[in-house]
Amino acid sequence: MVGLGADAGAGGGGRRGVVASACASGAYPPGRVRNGCPGAKLEGMDVLSGRILLRPIDLDRSLAFYRDVLGLAIAREFGTGIHRGTVFFLGGGFLEVSGTAAEAGPGCADLRLWLQVRDLVATHKELLGRGATVLREPRREEWGLDEMWIADPDGVRICVVQVPDRHPIRYRPGI
């Protein structure tokens, strides 16, 4: 068995050995970033981090919603006055709420956030208790995900989803 830690044995074991083997075997498909492969040519954009930038109509109201109603953890706060903002942890990414919009722009109607949670029933109950606007109660969709829809103070629609244990996103038999 090959360990995954950097110090998991000698002679090519560990994470470095796995990466080196994948590089040597050509396991990384062409046109993909191949981080960690010695001498690999960077192909495509090397994204180190990402975040969604949300410019609300009322900054204080939206900060209170994401911080107090959704209970998102704060990654950092910055600036003062109209130039202030908060970056929230959002699973594998970030949500920055900063600045202000004069009014909901044309893209706002098409913007959706997708937030995966561990327990949709408990999250639904908690969000109702915190005054969230629930647009649609939790239910199992025909594609197999358990979803509910809520809205932020500016009407940005947020899908809160739980992925069932045997759903293909989580579980792919035979692979």
N, C-alpha and C. Protein backbone atom coordinates (compact mmCIF):
# COMPACT_ATOMS: atom_id res chain seq x y z
N MET A 1 0.84 -1.16 0.00
CA MET A 1 0.00 0.00 0.00
C MET A 1 0.90 1.24 0.00
N VAL A 2 0.55 2.22 -0.81
CA VAL A 2 1.30 3.47 -0.89
C VAL A 2 0.65 4.47 0.04
N GLY A 3 1.44 5.07 0.96
CA GLY A 3 0.92 6.08 1.86
C GLY A 3 0.73 7.40 1.14
N LEU A 4 -0.10 8.26 1.72
CA LEU A 4 -0.34 9.56 1.10
C LEU A 4 0.41 10.69 1.76
N GLY A 5 1.02 10.46 2.92
CA GLY A 5 1.78 11.51 3.58
C GLY A 5 3.12 11.71 2.92
N ALA A 6 3.70 12.88 3.07
CA ALA A 6 5.00 13.18 2.45
C ALA A 6 6.10 12.28 3.00
N ASP A 7 5.94 11.77 4.22
CA ASP A 7 6.97 10.95 4.85
C ASP A 7 6.56 9.48 4.92
N ALA A 8 5.67 9.04 4.05
CA ALA A 8 5.13 7.69 4.15
C ALA A 8 6.03 6.68 3.48
N GLY A 9 7.17 6.47 4.04
CA GLY A 9 8.05 5.41 3.55
C GLY A 9 9.10 5.91 2.59
N ALA A 10 10.09 5.07 2.34
CA ALA A 10 11.18 5.42 1.45
C ALA A 10 10.97 4.79 0.09
N GLY A 11 11.82 5.14 -0.84
CA GLY A 11 11.82 4.49 -2.14
C GLY A 11 10.65 4.87 -3.02
N GLY A 12 10.26 6.14 -3.00
CA GLY A 12 9.22 6.60 -3.93
C GLY A 12 7.83 6.55 -3.35
N GLY A 13 7.67 6.14 -2.09
CA GLY A 13 6.35 6.13 -1.50
C GLY A 13 5.91 7.54 -1.17
N GLY A 14 4.78 7.67 -0.57
CA GLY A 14 4.28 8.97 -0.14
C GLY A 14 3.73 9.77 -1.30
N ARG A 15 3.25 10.96 -0.98
CA ARG A 15 2.60 11.83 -1.97
C ARG A 15 3.54 12.19 -3.11
N ARG A 16 4.79 12.49 -2.80
CA ARG A 16 5.74 12.85 -3.87
C ARG A 16 5.91 11.70 -4.84
N GLY A 17 5.97 10.49 -4.32
CA GLY A 17 6.12 9.33 -5.18
C GLY A 17 4.90 9.12 -6.06
N VAL A 18 3.71 9.35 -5.49
CA VAL A 18 2.47 9.20 -6.27
C VAL A 18 2.43 10.23 -7.38
N VAL A 19 2.76 11.49 -7.07
CA VAL A 19 2.77 12.55 -8.08
C VAL A 19 3.81 12.26 -9.15
N ALA A 20 5.02 11.85 -8.73
CA ALA A 20 6.07 11.55 -9.70
C ALA A 20 5.64 10.41 -10.61
N SER A 21 5.01 9.38 -10.07
CA SER A 21 4.54 8.26 -10.88
C SER A 21 3.49 8.72 -11.88
N ALA A 22 2.57 9.57 -11.42
CA ALA A 22 1.53 10.06 -12.32
C ALA A 22 2.13 10.91 -13.43
N CYS A 23 3.14 11.71 -13.11
CA CYS A 23 3.79 12.54 -14.12
C CYS A 23 4.49 11.66 -15.14
N ALA A 24 5.23 10.68 -14.66
CA ALA A 24 6.00 9.82 -15.55
C ALA A 24 5.11 8.97 -16.43
N SER A 25 3.96 8.55 -15.91
CA SER A 25 3.09 7.66 -16.67
C SER A 25 2.20 8.42 -17.64
N GLY A 26 2.19 9.75 -17.54
CA GLY A 26 1.31 10.54 -18.40
C GLY A 26 -0.13 10.52 -17.92
N ALA A 27 -0.35 10.22 -16.62
CA ALA A 27 -1.70 10.12 -16.08
C ALA A 27 -2.45 11.45 -16.10
N TYR A 28 -1.72 12.55 -16.16
CA TYR A 28 -2.38 13.84 -16.26
C TYR A 28 -2.74 14.07 -17.72
N PRO A 29 -4.03 14.36 -18.00
CA PRO A 29 -4.43 14.53 -19.40
C PRO A 29 -3.82 15.78 -20.02
N PRO A 30 -3.61 15.76 -21.34
CA PRO A 30 -3.08 16.94 -22.01
C PRO A 30 -4.01 18.13 -21.82
N GLY A 31 -3.45 19.32 -21.78
CA GLY A 31 -4.24 20.53 -21.65
C GLY A 31 -4.61 20.86 -20.22
N ARG A 32 -4.12 20.12 -19.26
CA ARG A 32 -4.42 20.36 -17.86
C ARG A 32 -3.18 20.87 -17.15
N VAL A 33 -3.39 21.64 -16.08
CA VAL A 33 -2.27 22.08 -15.26
C VAL A 33 -1.71 20.85 -14.57
N ARG A 34 -0.40 20.70 -14.62
CA ARG A 34 0.23 19.53 -14.00
C ARG A 34 1.16 20.00 -12.89
N ASN A 35 0.57 20.53 -11.83
CA ASN A 35 1.37 21.00 -10.70
C ASN A 35 2.13 19.85 -10.09
N GLY A 36 3.37 20.08 -9.73
CA GLY A 36 4.16 19.08 -9.05
C GLY A 36 4.96 18.19 -9.98
N CYS A 37 4.75 18.25 -11.29
CA CYS A 37 5.51 17.43 -12.22
C CYS A 37 6.79 18.19 -12.58
N PRO A 38 7.93 17.60 -12.27
CA PRO A 38 9.19 18.28 -12.59
C PRO A 38 9.29 18.61 -14.07
N GLY A 39 9.56 19.86 -14.37
CA GLY A 39 9.73 20.29 -15.76
C GLY A 39 8.45 20.37 -16.56
N ALA A 40 7.29 20.21 -15.91
CA ALA A 40 6.02 20.23 -16.64
C ALA A 40 5.74 21.64 -17.13
N LYS A 41 5.26 21.73 -18.34
CA LYS A 41 4.88 23.01 -18.91
C LYS A 41 3.49 23.37 -18.40
N LEU A 42 3.33 24.60 -17.93
CA LEU A 42 2.04 25.07 -17.47
C LEU A 42 1.11 25.19 -18.66
N GLU A 43 0.01 24.50 -18.60
CA GLU A 43 -0.97 24.54 -19.68
C GLU A 43 -2.28 25.02 -19.10
N GLY A 44 -2.74 26.16 -19.50
CA GLY A 44 -3.96 26.72 -18.95
C GLY A 44 -3.67 27.67 -17.82
N MET A 45 -4.71 28.14 -17.19
CA MET A 45 -4.61 29.11 -16.12
C MET A 45 -4.34 28.39 -14.80
N ASP A 46 -3.37 28.83 -14.05
CA ASP A 46 -3.00 28.23 -12.77
C ASP A 46 -3.73 28.98 -11.66
N VAL A 47 -4.96 28.56 -11.35
CA VAL A 47 -5.78 29.23 -10.36
C VAL A 47 -5.37 28.78 -8.96
N LEU A 48 -4.99 29.73 -8.13
CA LEU A 48 -4.56 29.42 -6.77
C LEU A 48 -5.70 29.55 -5.77
N SER A 49 -6.63 30.43 -6.03
CA SER A 49 -7.75 30.66 -5.13
C SER A 49 -8.84 31.34 -5.94
N GLY A 50 -10.05 31.28 -5.45
CA GLY A 50 -11.14 31.95 -6.13
C GLY A 50 -12.16 32.46 -5.13
N ARG A 51 -12.94 33.43 -5.56
CA ARG A 51 -14.02 33.92 -4.71
C ARG A 51 -15.09 34.54 -5.57
N ILE A 52 -16.27 34.58 -5.04
CA ILE A 52 -17.41 35.25 -5.66
C ILE A 52 -17.44 36.65 -5.08
N LEU A 53 -17.57 37.66 -5.93
CA LEU A 53 -17.66 39.05 -5.49
C LEU A 53 -19.11 39.48 -5.58
N LEU A 54 -19.68 39.86 -4.47
CA LEU A 54 -21.07 40.27 -4.40
C LEU A 54 -21.14 41.73 -3.99
N ARG A 55 -21.74 42.56 -4.82
CA ARG A 55 -21.89 43.99 -4.54
C ARG A 55 -23.35 44.25 -4.19
N PRO A 56 -23.68 44.32 -2.91
CA PRO A 56 -25.08 44.45 -2.50
C PRO A 56 -25.60 45.88 -2.62
N ILE A 57 -26.89 46.02 -2.58
CA ILE A 57 -27.51 47.35 -2.56
C ILE A 57 -27.29 48.00 -1.20
N ASP A 58 -27.44 47.22 -0.12
CA ASP A 58 -27.25 47.72 1.24
C ASP A 58 -26.20 46.82 1.91
N LEU A 59 -24.97 47.32 2.01
CA LEU A 59 -23.85 46.53 2.52
C LEU A 59 -24.11 45.99 3.93
N ASP A 60 -24.55 46.85 4.85
CA ASP A 60 -24.75 46.42 6.23
C ASP A 60 -25.81 45.32 6.32
N ARG A 61 -26.89 45.48 5.58
CA ARG A 61 -27.97 44.49 5.59
C ARG A 61 -27.47 43.14 5.06
N SER A 62 -26.69 43.18 3.98
CA SER A 62 -26.18 41.94 3.40
C SER A 62 -25.12 41.30 4.27
N LEU A 63 -24.24 42.10 4.88
CA LEU A 63 -23.25 41.54 5.80
C LEU A 63 -23.95 40.84 6.96
N ALA A 64 -25.00 41.47 7.51
CA ALA A 64 -25.74 40.85 8.61
C ALA A 64 -26.37 39.54 8.16
N PHE A 65 -26.89 39.48 6.94
CA PHE A 65 -27.50 38.25 6.43
C PHE A 65 -26.49 37.12 6.34
N TYR A 66 -25.38 37.35 5.67
CA TYR A 66 -24.40 36.29 5.46
C TYR A 66 -23.69 35.91 6.77
N ARG A 67 -23.48 36.87 7.65
CA ARG A 67 -22.81 36.61 8.92
C ARG A 67 -23.77 36.02 9.95
N ASP A 68 -24.94 36.66 10.14
CA ASP A 68 -25.83 36.31 11.25
C ASP A 68 -26.92 35.30 10.87
N VAL A 69 -27.49 35.43 9.68
CA VAL A 69 -28.56 34.51 9.29
C VAL A 69 -27.98 33.20 8.77
N LEU A 70 -27.07 33.29 7.78
CA LEU A 70 -26.45 32.06 7.29
C LEU A 70 -25.38 31.54 8.23
N GLY A 71 -24.79 32.43 9.01
CA GLY A 71 -23.76 32.02 9.97
C GLY A 71 -22.44 31.66 9.31
N LEU A 72 -22.12 32.28 8.16
CA LEU A 72 -20.85 31.98 7.50
C LEU A 72 -19.69 32.51 8.33
N ALA A 73 -18.63 31.74 8.39
CA ALA A 73 -17.43 32.15 9.13
C ALA A 73 -16.67 33.21 8.34
N ILE A 74 -16.11 34.18 9.06
CA ILE A 74 -15.39 35.28 8.43
C ILE A 74 -13.93 34.87 8.20
N ALA A 75 -13.49 35.03 6.95
CA ALA A 75 -12.09 34.79 6.61
C ALA A 75 -11.27 36.04 6.87
N ARG A 76 -11.81 37.21 6.49
CA ARG A 76 -11.13 38.47 6.75
C ARG A 76 -12.09 39.63 6.54
N GLU A 77 -11.76 40.74 7.16
CA GLU A 77 -12.48 41.99 6.97
C GLU A 77 -11.47 43.03 6.53
N PHE A 78 -11.90 43.97 5.72
CA PHE A 78 -10.95 44.96 5.21
C PHE A 78 -11.64 46.29 4.99
N GLY A 79 -10.82 47.34 4.88
CA GLY A 79 -11.27 48.67 4.52
C GLY A 79 -12.11 49.36 5.56
N THR A 80 -12.53 50.59 5.21
CA THR A 80 -13.39 51.41 6.07
C THR A 80 -14.43 52.09 5.21
N GLY A 81 -15.49 52.55 5.85
CA GLY A 81 -16.53 53.29 5.15
C GLY A 81 -17.10 52.52 3.97
N ILE A 82 -17.28 53.23 2.87
CA ILE A 82 -17.86 52.58 1.69
C ILE A 82 -16.89 51.61 1.01
N HIS A 83 -15.64 51.63 1.44
CA HIS A 83 -14.62 50.76 0.86
C HIS A 83 -14.35 49.52 1.72
N ARG A 84 -15.24 49.23 2.65
CA ARG A 84 -15.03 48.08 3.52
C ARG A 84 -15.72 46.85 2.94
N GLY A 85 -15.31 45.72 3.46
CA GLY A 85 -15.94 44.48 3.03
C GLY A 85 -15.55 43.34 3.94
N THR A 86 -16.21 42.23 3.73
CA THR A 86 -15.95 41.02 4.50
C THR A 86 -15.85 39.86 3.52
N VAL A 87 -14.86 39.01 3.74
CA VAL A 87 -14.70 37.79 2.97
C VAL A 87 -15.10 36.64 3.87
N PHE A 88 -16.08 35.86 3.41
CA PHE A 88 -16.57 34.72 4.17
C PHE A 88 -16.02 33.43 3.59
N PHE A 89 -15.76 32.45 4.45
CA PHE A 89 -15.42 31.12 3.99
C PHE A 89 -16.67 30.53 3.33
N LEU A 90 -16.48 29.85 2.22
CA LEU A 90 -17.60 29.26 1.49
C LEU A 90 -17.18 27.88 1.00
N GLY A 91 -17.04 26.95 1.92
CA GLY A 91 -16.58 25.61 1.54
C GLY A 91 -15.18 25.70 0.97
N GLY A 92 -15.01 25.30 -0.28
CA GLY A 92 -13.71 25.33 -0.93
C GLY A 92 -13.37 26.67 -1.55
N GLY A 93 -14.19 27.68 -1.34
CA GLY A 93 -13.94 29.00 -1.92
C GLY A 93 -14.30 30.09 -0.93
N PHE A 94 -14.53 31.27 -1.45
CA PHE A 94 -14.82 32.43 -0.61
C PHE A 94 -15.94 33.25 -1.23
N LEU A 95 -16.66 33.98 -0.39
CA LEU A 95 -17.66 34.94 -0.82
C LEU A 95 -17.26 36.28 -0.24
N GLU A 96 -16.98 37.24 -1.11
CA GLU A 96 -16.65 38.59 -0.66
C GLU A 96 -17.87 39.47 -0.84
N VAL A 97 -18.32 40.08 0.25
CA VAL A 97 -19.43 41.03 0.22
C VAL A 97 -18.81 42.39 0.52
N SER A 98 -18.81 43.28 -0.48
CA SER A 98 -18.15 44.57 -0.32
C SER A 98 -18.74 45.58 -1.29
N GLY A 99 -18.44 46.85 -1.02
CA GLY A 99 -18.93 47.91 -1.89
C GLY A 99 -20.44 47.96 -1.90
N THR A 100 -20.97 48.70 -2.85
CA THR A 100 -22.42 48.76 -3.00
C THR A 100 -22.77 48.86 -4.48
N ALA A 101 -23.94 48.37 -4.80
CA ALA A 101 -24.48 48.50 -6.15
C ALA A 101 -25.55 49.58 -6.08
N ALA A 102 -25.64 50.41 -7.11
CA ALA A 102 -26.66 51.44 -7.14
C ALA A 102 -28.04 50.80 -7.16
N GLU A 103 -28.15 49.69 -7.86
CA GLU A 103 -29.39 48.90 -7.94
C GLU A 103 -29.02 47.53 -8.45
N ALA A 104 -29.94 46.63 -8.36
CA ALA A 104 -29.67 45.27 -8.84
C ALA A 104 -29.40 45.34 -10.33
N GLY A 105 -28.21 44.89 -10.73
CA GLY A 105 -27.83 44.95 -12.13
C GLY A 105 -28.44 43.82 -12.93
N PRO A 106 -28.26 43.85 -14.25
CA PRO A 106 -28.87 42.83 -15.11
C PRO A 106 -28.36 41.42 -14.82
N GLY A 107 -27.12 41.29 -14.32
CA GLY A 107 -26.59 39.96 -14.02
C GLY A 107 -27.13 39.39 -12.72
N CYS A 108 -27.65 40.25 -11.85
CA CYS A 108 -28.12 39.80 -10.55
C CYS A 108 -29.25 38.79 -10.68
N ALA A 109 -30.12 38.98 -11.66
CA ALA A 109 -31.24 38.07 -11.84
C ALA A 109 -30.79 36.66 -12.18
N ASP A 110 -29.61 36.54 -12.77
CA ASP A 110 -29.10 35.22 -13.16
C ASP A 110 -28.10 34.64 -12.17
N LEU A 111 -27.69 35.40 -11.16
CA LEU A 111 -26.71 34.93 -10.18
C LEU A 111 -27.38 33.96 -9.22
N ARG A 112 -26.74 32.81 -8.97
CA ARG A 112 -27.20 31.84 -7.99
C ARG A 112 -26.00 31.37 -7.18
N LEU A 113 -26.20 31.15 -5.90
CA LEU A 113 -25.18 30.53 -5.05
C LEU A 113 -25.66 29.12 -4.75
N TRP A 114 -24.72 28.18 -4.67
CA TRP A 114 -25.02 26.78 -4.37
C TRP A 114 -24.21 26.41 -3.15
N LEU A 115 -24.88 26.15 -2.03
CA LEU A 115 -24.21 25.87 -0.77
C LEU A 115 -24.58 24.46 -0.32
N GLN A 116 -23.60 23.58 -0.25
CA GLN A 116 -23.84 22.22 0.20
C GLN A 116 -23.70 22.15 1.71
N VAL A 117 -24.67 21.51 2.36
CA VAL A 117 -24.66 21.35 3.81
C VAL A 117 -24.72 19.85 4.16
N ARG A 118 -24.39 19.53 5.39
CA ARG A 118 -24.42 18.13 5.84
C ARG A 118 -25.83 17.66 6.13
N ASP A 119 -26.68 18.55 6.70
CA ASP A 119 -28.02 18.16 7.15
C ASP A 119 -29.01 19.24 6.74
N LEU A 120 -29.74 19.02 5.65
CA LEU A 120 -30.64 20.02 5.12
C LEU A 120 -31.82 20.29 6.06
N VAL A 121 -32.36 19.26 6.68
CA VAL A 121 -33.50 19.44 7.58
C VAL A 121 -33.11 20.34 8.76
N ALA A 122 -31.98 20.07 9.38
CA ALA A 122 -31.51 20.88 10.50
C ALA A 122 -31.19 22.31 10.05
N THR A 123 -30.57 22.45 8.86
CA THR A 123 -30.23 23.77 8.34
C THR A 123 -31.50 24.57 8.06
N HIS A 124 -32.50 23.93 7.48
CA HIS A 124 -33.78 24.59 7.20
C HIS A 124 -34.38 25.14 8.50
N LYS A 125 -34.43 24.31 9.52
CA LYS A 125 -35.00 24.72 10.81
C LYS A 125 -34.20 25.90 11.40
N GLU A 126 -32.88 25.80 11.33
CA GLU A 126 -32.02 26.86 11.87
C GLU A 126 -32.21 28.17 11.11
N LEU A 127 -32.27 28.11 9.78
CA LEU A 127 -32.43 29.32 8.98
C LEU A 127 -33.79 29.97 9.20
N LEU A 128 -34.84 29.16 9.35
CA LEU A 128 -36.16 29.71 9.67
C LEU A 128 -36.11 30.47 10.99
N GLY A 129 -35.43 29.89 11.96
CA GLY A 129 -35.30 30.54 13.27
C GLY A 129 -34.53 31.84 13.23
N ARG A 130 -33.67 31.97 12.24
CA ARG A 130 -32.88 33.21 12.10
C ARG A 130 -33.52 34.21 11.15
N GLY A 131 -34.70 33.89 10.64
CA GLY A 131 -35.44 34.83 9.81
C GLY A 131 -35.12 34.81 8.33
N ALA A 132 -34.52 33.74 7.83
CA ALA A 132 -34.21 33.65 6.40
C ALA A 132 -35.50 33.58 5.58
N THR A 133 -35.45 34.15 4.38
CA THR A 133 -36.57 34.06 3.46
C THR A 133 -36.44 32.76 2.68
N VAL A 134 -37.32 31.81 2.97
CA VAL A 134 -37.31 30.52 2.29
C VAL A 134 -38.23 30.63 1.08
N LEU A 135 -37.65 30.48 -0.11
CA LEU A 135 -38.42 30.55 -1.34
C LEU A 135 -39.09 29.22 -1.66
N ARG A 136 -38.41 28.14 -1.32
CA ARG A 136 -38.96 26.81 -1.54
C ARG A 136 -38.48 25.87 -0.46
N GLU A 137 -39.39 25.16 0.16
CA GLU A 137 -39.08 24.23 1.23
C GLU A 137 -38.19 23.09 0.72
N PRO A 138 -37.48 22.42 1.62
CA PRO A 138 -36.63 21.30 1.20
C PRO A 138 -37.44 20.18 0.55
N ARG A 139 -36.86 19.60 -0.51
CA ARG A 139 -37.48 18.44 -1.16
C ARG A 139 -36.43 17.71 -1.99
N ARG A 140 -36.72 16.47 -2.28
CA ARG A 140 -35.86 15.65 -3.14
C ARG A 140 -36.20 15.99 -4.59
N GLU A 141 -35.17 16.39 -5.33
CA GLU A 141 -35.35 16.73 -6.74
C GLU A 141 -35.30 15.47 -7.60
N GLU A 142 -35.79 15.56 -8.83
CA GLU A 142 -35.79 14.39 -9.72
C GLU A 142 -34.38 13.94 -10.06
N TRP A 143 -33.39 14.82 -9.91
CA TRP A 143 -31.99 14.45 -10.16
C TRP A 143 -31.33 13.88 -8.90
N GLY A 144 -32.10 13.72 -7.81
CA GLY A 144 -31.63 13.01 -6.64
C GLY A 144 -31.03 13.83 -5.53
N LEU A 145 -30.95 15.15 -5.68
CA LEU A 145 -30.40 16.00 -4.62
C LEU A 145 -31.53 16.53 -3.75
N ASP A 146 -31.25 16.71 -2.47
CA ASP A 146 -32.20 17.33 -1.55
C ASP A 146 -31.88 18.82 -1.53
N GLU A 147 -32.85 19.65 -1.94
CA GLU A 147 -32.59 21.09 -2.10
C GLU A 147 -33.70 21.91 -1.47
N MET A 148 -33.31 23.10 -1.01
CA MET A 148 -34.26 24.17 -0.69
C MET A 148 -33.66 25.46 -1.25
N TRP A 149 -34.50 26.43 -1.46
CA TRP A 149 -34.06 27.72 -2.00
C TRP A 149 -34.41 28.82 -1.03
N ILE A 150 -33.42 29.71 -0.79
CA ILE A 150 -33.61 30.89 0.04
C ILE A 150 -33.15 32.09 -0.77
N ALA A 151 -33.35 33.30 -0.23
CA ALA A 151 -32.91 34.51 -0.91
C ALA A 151 -32.20 35.42 0.08
N ASP A 152 -31.17 36.13 -0.43
CA ASP A 152 -30.51 37.12 0.42
C ASP A 152 -31.33 38.41 0.37
N PRO A 153 -30.95 39.45 1.11
CA PRO A 153 -31.76 40.68 1.14
C PRO A 153 -31.96 41.36 -0.21
N ASP A 154 -31.06 41.15 -1.17
CA ASP A 154 -31.21 41.74 -2.49
C ASP A 154 -31.91 40.80 -3.47
N GLY A 155 -32.35 39.65 -2.99
CA GLY A 155 -33.06 38.71 -3.84
C GLY A 155 -32.16 37.70 -4.54
N VAL A 156 -30.86 37.67 -4.22
CA VAL A 156 -29.98 36.67 -4.80
C VAL A 156 -30.45 35.31 -4.31
N ARG A 157 -30.73 34.43 -5.26
CA ARG A 157 -31.24 33.10 -4.92
C ARG A 157 -30.09 32.18 -4.51
N ILE A 158 -30.31 31.46 -3.41
CA ILE A 158 -29.30 30.56 -2.85
C ILE A 158 -29.90 29.17 -2.74
N CYS A 159 -29.29 28.22 -3.42
CA CYS A 159 -29.70 26.82 -3.31
C CYS A 159 -28.92 26.20 -2.16
N VAL A 160 -29.64 25.69 -1.18
CA VAL A 160 -29.00 24.98 -0.07
C VAL A 160 -29.28 23.51 -0.33
N VAL A 161 -28.22 22.72 -0.45
CA VAL A 161 -28.37 21.35 -0.93
C VAL A 161 -27.67 20.36 -0.02
N GLN A 162 -28.28 19.19 0.10
CA GLN A 162 -27.63 18.06 0.76
C GLN A 162 -27.52 16.96 -0.29
N VAL A 163 -26.33 16.41 -0.41
CA VAL A 163 -26.11 15.32 -1.37
C VAL A 163 -26.30 14.00 -0.62
N PRO A 164 -27.32 13.22 -0.99
CA PRO A 164 -27.54 11.93 -0.31
C PRO A 164 -26.33 11.00 -0.45
N ASP A 165 -26.17 10.12 0.52
CA ASP A 165 -25.01 9.22 0.55
C ASP A 165 -24.80 8.43 -0.73
N ARG A 166 -25.84 7.95 -1.37
CA ARG A 166 -25.68 7.09 -2.55
C ARG A 166 -25.81 7.87 -3.87
N HIS A 167 -25.80 9.19 -3.82
CA HIS A 167 -25.91 9.99 -5.04
C HIS A 167 -24.60 9.90 -5.83
N PRO A 168 -24.65 9.93 -7.18
CA PRO A 168 -23.43 9.83 -7.99
C PRO A 168 -22.38 10.90 -7.71
N ILE A 169 -22.77 12.05 -7.18
CA ILE A 169 -21.77 13.06 -6.82
C ILE A 169 -20.85 12.51 -5.74
N ARG A 170 -21.42 11.69 -4.86
CA ARG A 170 -20.68 11.12 -3.74
C ARG A 170 -20.19 9.71 -3.97
N TYR A 171 -20.98 8.94 -4.67
CA TYR A 171 -20.75 7.50 -4.75
C TYR A 171 -20.89 7.04 -6.20
N ARG A 172 -19.83 6.43 -6.74
CA ARG A 172 -19.89 5.94 -8.11
C ARG A 172 -19.43 4.48 -8.11
N PRO A 173 -20.39 3.57 -7.99
CA PRO A 173 -20.00 2.15 -7.94
C PRO A 173 -19.25 1.74 -9.19
N GLY A 174 -18.28 0.89 -8.98
CA GLY A 174 -17.50 0.37 -10.11
C GLY A 174 -16.38 1.27 -10.58
N ILE A 175 -16.22 2.42 -9.95
CA ILE A 175 -15.12 3.32 -10.36
C ILE A 175 -14.10 3.41 -9.27
